[in-house]
Structures are given as structure tokens and as C-alpha cells.
Protein backbone atom coordinates (compact mmCIF):
# COMPACT_ATOMS: atom_id res chain seq x y z
CA UNK A 1 10.55 -0.58 -8.13
CA UNK A 2 13.17 -3.24 -7.25
CA UNK A 3 14.46 -4.51 -10.87
CA UNK A 4 15.17 -7.55 -9.63
CA UNK A 5 11.33 -8.36 -8.81
CA UNK A 6 9.90 -9.27 -12.74
CA UNK A 7 6.84 -7.42 -13.61
CA UNK A 8 4.52 -10.38 -12.68
CA UNK A 9 1.76 -10.02 -15.33
CA UNK A 10 0.96 -7.29 -17.68
CA UNK A 11 -3.13 -7.29 -16.60
CA UNK A 12 -5.55 -6.43 -19.38
CA UNK A 13 -6.37 -6.95 -22.73
CA UNK A 14 -5.19 -5.29 -26.00
CA UNK A 15 -7.54 -2.04 -24.57
CA UNK A 16 -6.55 -2.21 -21.21
CA UNK A 17 -3.29 -2.68 -19.21
CA UNK A 18 -1.11 -1.53 -16.47
CA UNK A 19 2.44 -1.41 -16.83
CA UNK A 20 5.26 0.37 -14.51
CA UNK A 21 5.06 4.07 -14.48
CA UNK A 22 8.07 5.87 -16.57
CA UNK A 23 9.27 9.31 -16.10
CA UNK A 24 7.36 11.02 -18.86
CA UNK A 25 3.78 9.71 -16.86
CA UNK A 26 4.68 12.04 -13.88
CA UNK A 27 2.41 14.97 -15.18
CA UNK A 28 -0.08 13.07 -16.18
CA UNK A 29 -0.43 10.87 -12.75
CA UNK A 30 -0.63 14.30 -10.92
CA UNK A 31 -3.09 15.90 -13.20
CA UNK A 32 -5.44 12.73 -12.61
CA UNK A 33 -4.64 12.92 -9.35
CA UNK A 34 -6.09 16.87 -8.82
CA UNK A 35 -9.16 15.66 -11.12
CA UNK A 36 -10.07 12.53 -8.94
CA UNK A 37 -9.39 14.31 -5.55
CA UNK A 38 -11.76 17.14 -6.91
CA UNK A 39 -14.41 15.18 -8.09
CA UNK A 40 -14.40 12.33 -5.15
CA UNK A 41 -13.48 14.41 -2.10
CA UNK A 42 -13.63 18.31 -3.17
CA UNK A 43 -16.64 18.30 -0.13
CA UNK A 44 -13.96 15.99 2.58
CA UNK A 45 -10.59 17.41 1.61
CA UNK A 46 -9.35 21.02 3.08
CA UNK A 47 -10.33 23.66 0.26
CA UNK A 48 -6.57 24.94 0.38
CA UNK A 49 -5.28 21.42 -0.87
CA UNK A 50 -7.19 21.82 -3.86
CA UNK A 51 -7.03 25.81 -4.54
CA UNK A 52 -3.43 25.76 -3.86
CA UNK A 53 -2.59 23.00 -5.94
CA UNK A 54 0.80 23.19 -7.85
CA UNK A 55 0.95 21.27 -10.54
CA UNK A 56 4.65 21.11 -11.43
CA UNK A 57 5.18 20.47 -7.64
CA UNK A 58 2.92 17.40 -7.83
CA UNK A 59 4.74 16.29 -11.27
CA UNK A 60 8.03 16.62 -10.06
CA UNK A 61 7.13 14.70 -6.73
CA UNK A 62 5.92 11.75 -9.18
CA UNK A 63 8.77 12.02 -11.42
CA UNK A 64 11.06 11.15 -8.27
CA UNK A 65 8.82 8.78 -6.96
CA UNK A 66 9.24 6.85 -10.30
CA UNK A 67 12.85 7.74 -11.14
CA UNK A 68 14.32 7.61 -7.33
CA UNK A 69 12.38 5.40 -4.78
CA UNK A 70 13.04 5.36 -1.31
CA UNK A 71 13.42 1.76 -1.13
CA UNK A 72 13.40 -1.15 -3.85
CA UNK A 73 10.21 -2.02 -2.35
CA UNK A 74 8.40 0.90 -3.46
CA UNK A 75 6.88 1.81 -6.74
CA UNK A 76 4.13 3.74 -9.29
CA UNK A 77 2.14 1.65 -11.84
CA UNK A 78 -0.24 3.05 -14.41
CA UNK A 79 -3.57 1.78 -16.02
CA UNK A 80 -4.23 2.67 -19.72
CA UNK A 81 -7.03 2.19 -21.97
CA UNK A 82 -5.17 1.68 -25.17
CA UNK A 83 -2.71 4.62 -24.96
CA UNK A 84 -4.45 6.92 -22.95
CA UNK A 85 -3.38 6.98 -19.24
CA UNK A 86 -6.81 6.45 -17.13
CA UNK A 87 -5.37 5.63 -13.37
CA UNK A 88 -2.39 5.25 -11.07
CA UNK A 89 -1.28 3.19 -8.25
CA UNK A 90 1.51 3.68 -5.90
CA UNK A 91 2.96 1.56 -3.32
CA UNK A 92 5.85 -0.03 -0.72
CA UNK A 93 6.79 -1.20 2.63
CA UNK A 94 3.82 -0.62 5.34
CA UNK A 95 5.09 1.32 8.43
CA UNK A 96 3.70 -0.16 11.78
CA UNK A 97 1.50 2.54 13.54
CA UNK A 98 2.03 3.41 16.96
CA UNK A 99 1.91 1.29 19.59
CA UNK A 100 1.46 -1.67 16.69
CA UNK A 101 3.44 -4.89 16.67
CA UNK A 102 4.51 -6.60 13.02
CA UNK A 103 2.06 -8.82 11.62
CA UNK A 104 2.24 -12.49 12.54
CA UNK A 105 1.18 -13.13 8.87
CA UNK A 106 4.84 -11.61 7.69
CA UNK A 107 5.87 -8.11 6.19
CA UNK A 108 2.89 -6.16 5.13
CA UNK A 109 2.85 -3.84 2.04
CA UNK A 110 0.62 -0.53 1.83
CA UNK A 111 -1.02 1.06 -1.05
CA UNK A 112 -0.61 5.01 -0.47
CA UNK A 113 -2.89 5.71 -3.53
CA UNK A 114 -4.89 4.06 -6.23
CA UNK A 115 -7.02 6.55 -8.61
CA UNK A 116 -8.75 5.87 -11.64
CA UNK A 117 -9.87 9.14 -13.35
CA UNK A 118 -13.79 9.01 -12.63
CA UNK A 119 -14.46 9.56 -16.38
CA UNK A 120 -12.60 6.31 -16.66
CA UNK A 121 -14.14 4.41 -14.24
CA UNK A 122 -15.79 1.30 -13.92
CA UNK A 123 -13.91 -0.05 -16.60
CA UNK A 124 -11.86 -2.88 -14.49
CA UNK A 125 -8.95 -0.23 -14.24
CA UNK A 126 -9.23 -0.26 -10.52
CA UNK A 127 -9.15 -4.08 -9.95
CA UNK A 128 -6.32 -4.18 -12.58
CA UNK A 129 -4.04 -2.05 -10.78
CA UNK A 130 -5.35 -3.61 -7.17
CA UNK A 131 -4.27 -7.04 -9.21
CA UNK A 132 -0.94 -6.11 -10.23
CA UNK A 133 0.33 -4.36 -7.04
CA UNK A 134 -0.64 -7.58 -5.11
CA UNK A 135 1.58 -9.59 -7.65
CA UNK A 136 4.18 -7.49 -7.07
CA UNK A 137 3.80 -6.80 -3.04
CA UNK A 138 3.49 -10.88 -3.02
CA UNK A 139 6.63 -11.15 -5.38
CA UNK A 140 8.55 -9.05 -3.19
CA UNK A 141 8.04 -11.12 0.00
CA UNK A 142 4.84 -9.09 1.83
CA UNK A 143 2.22 -11.47 3.46
CA UNK A 144 -0.20 -8.68 3.25
CA UNK A 145 -1.54 -5.60 1.66
CA UNK A 146 -3.36 -2.88 3.55
CA UNK A 147 -3.95 0.77 2.77
CA UNK A 148 -6.20 3.97 4.77
CA UNK A 149 -9.32 5.15 3.57
CA UNK A 150 -11.14 8.29 4.54
CA UNK A 151 -14.02 6.95 6.64
CA UNK A 152 -16.29 9.21 4.59
CA UNK A 153 -15.17 7.22 1.40
CA UNK A 154 -17.94 5.05 1.05
CA UNK A 155 -17.11 4.16 -3.10
CA UNK A 156 -13.54 3.19 -2.33
CA UNK A 157 -14.77 1.23 0.65
CA UNK A 158 -16.88 -0.83 -1.54
CA UNK A 159 -14.24 -1.21 -4.15
CA UNK A 160 -11.85 -2.63 -1.70
CA UNK A 161 -14.76 -4.88 0.15
CA UNK A 162 -15.59 -6.29 -3.46
CA UNK A 163 -12.20 -7.52 -3.51
CA UNK A 164 -12.38 -9.31 -0.47
CA UNK A 165 -11.03 -6.44 2.00
CA UNK A 166 -11.81 -5.91 5.48
CA UNK A 167 -11.20 -3.50 8.06
CA UNK A 168 -8.43 -4.67 10.04
CA UNK A 169 -9.33 -2.47 13.24
CA UNK A 170 -6.99 0.47 12.87
CA UNK A 171 -8.10 4.12 12.54
CA UNK A 172 -6.27 7.50 12.60
CA UNK A 173 -7.32 10.93 12.43
CA UNK A 174 -5.05 13.43 9.94
CA UNK A 175 -4.55 17.21 11.10
CA UNK A 176 -5.52 19.04 7.96
CA UNK A 177 -5.04 22.19 9.66
CA UNK A 178 -9.28 22.47 9.00
CA UNK A 179 -11.51 19.60 9.98
CA UNK A 180 -9.63 16.48 10.91
CA UNK A 181 -9.86 13.93 8.71
CA UNK A 182 -10.39 10.24 10.03
CA UNK A 183 -9.32 7.33 8.31
CA UNK A 184 -9.60 3.39 8.66
CA UNK A 185 -7.42 0.79 7.63
CA UNK A 186 -8.51 -2.00 5.33
CA UNK A 187 -5.91 -5.03 4.50
CA UNK A 188 -5.99 -8.56 2.72
CA UNK A 189 -4.01 -11.50 3.05
CA UNK A 190 -1.78 -12.17 0.04
CA UNK A 191 -1.24 -16.03 0.87
CA UNK A 192 -4.26 -16.86 -1.57
CA UNK A 193 -6.70 -17.90 1.49
CA UNK A 194 -9.37 -15.27 2.84
CA UNK A 195 -9.36 -11.92 2.23
CA UNK A 196 -7.11 -12.20 -0.52
CA UNK A 197 -6.34 -9.26 -3.05
């Protein structure tokens, strides 16, 4: 995360908050990722993805994302309930899809992942993470925020739709080595108008 862009708000209350991730969070982020994927996507993701999960490699990857992000616009945030890490979000500058022109509204940022461990769901942690990512993306100069969602993931689609997001017409198919997975891109403008995240 760009150290020159201040964290716009510590969202939440004394019991729930969002903060930038630190290296010591990496193993817990990886654990939450696996638990959430198994719960939410166990029937969608290829079994090899979950069966061959390497917790140490996943933690090392998250540690690198936290300590050495690829650009100043990349960042990782964590959601806490009291002192327990319950969810996380990773974001960075958006890449254009093949044949896509830059958005006329201005630069776009992309949420790579936003997950809350299922047992901590429906307590506002996802909304606080989304608000914090939106604030940071806006402070970093982004005019638009986007995320790719599995077409079959109606829970995540409902979450983003309730926050004012909508599909932007782009889709892609991921070759997983098993059944292809189709993703739909959702977006919101960050200027305070319609579709604001």
C-alpha cells in the first residue's frame, strides 16, 4: 500500500474494525482463504485446488503481497472482530481485458479478493472491507472499482449488488484444467454518484 496515501478511515467500532495487513497476518489470511473457499466454492472449484493446498506457500504469498506489493497501488486489508482476524481484502490497479479501452471516467482499481470467514459472516465485516478499499482506491486516484465474480456465486453477487454495484458487460472464462469457470465483472463508480461503492 502506498505509504504516502493515508488510510482514510478506521472503519467500525470497538468490536469491529478494518486495518492494513501486517506480515504477521499472512498465515491467518491463508487459513481464512482456504476455509472460505472450501465452504463457498467447494462444489465449484476443481478439487485439486483445495486438495493440494499448500498452507506455507499460501502464507508466503500473502506475506509477499503485504511486505512487497507489486505497485504502490496494491494493498491488503484485514477485518477484525475485537482482536480476531475474520476477513481480508486485496486490491490493486485494474488491468484492461483484451480489446478493452480505458474507462472514460478515469483509472480503475480492482478487488482481487474480498473474503470473510463464514462463521463471522453477516456482521458487517464485508461491508467495512469494501468501504475501506473504496476509500483507498479513491484516495489513490481511481474513479472506478471492479471485481471479477464466478457466475455461479450468487451470494457475492448479492453482496455487491446491495452495495450499488452492477455487472459492466465483461465476462471471461478461466481454464482450470477441469471444468472451465465463467466469471462476470462487476463495477461501481467512486465519485459519489450512482453505483458508488
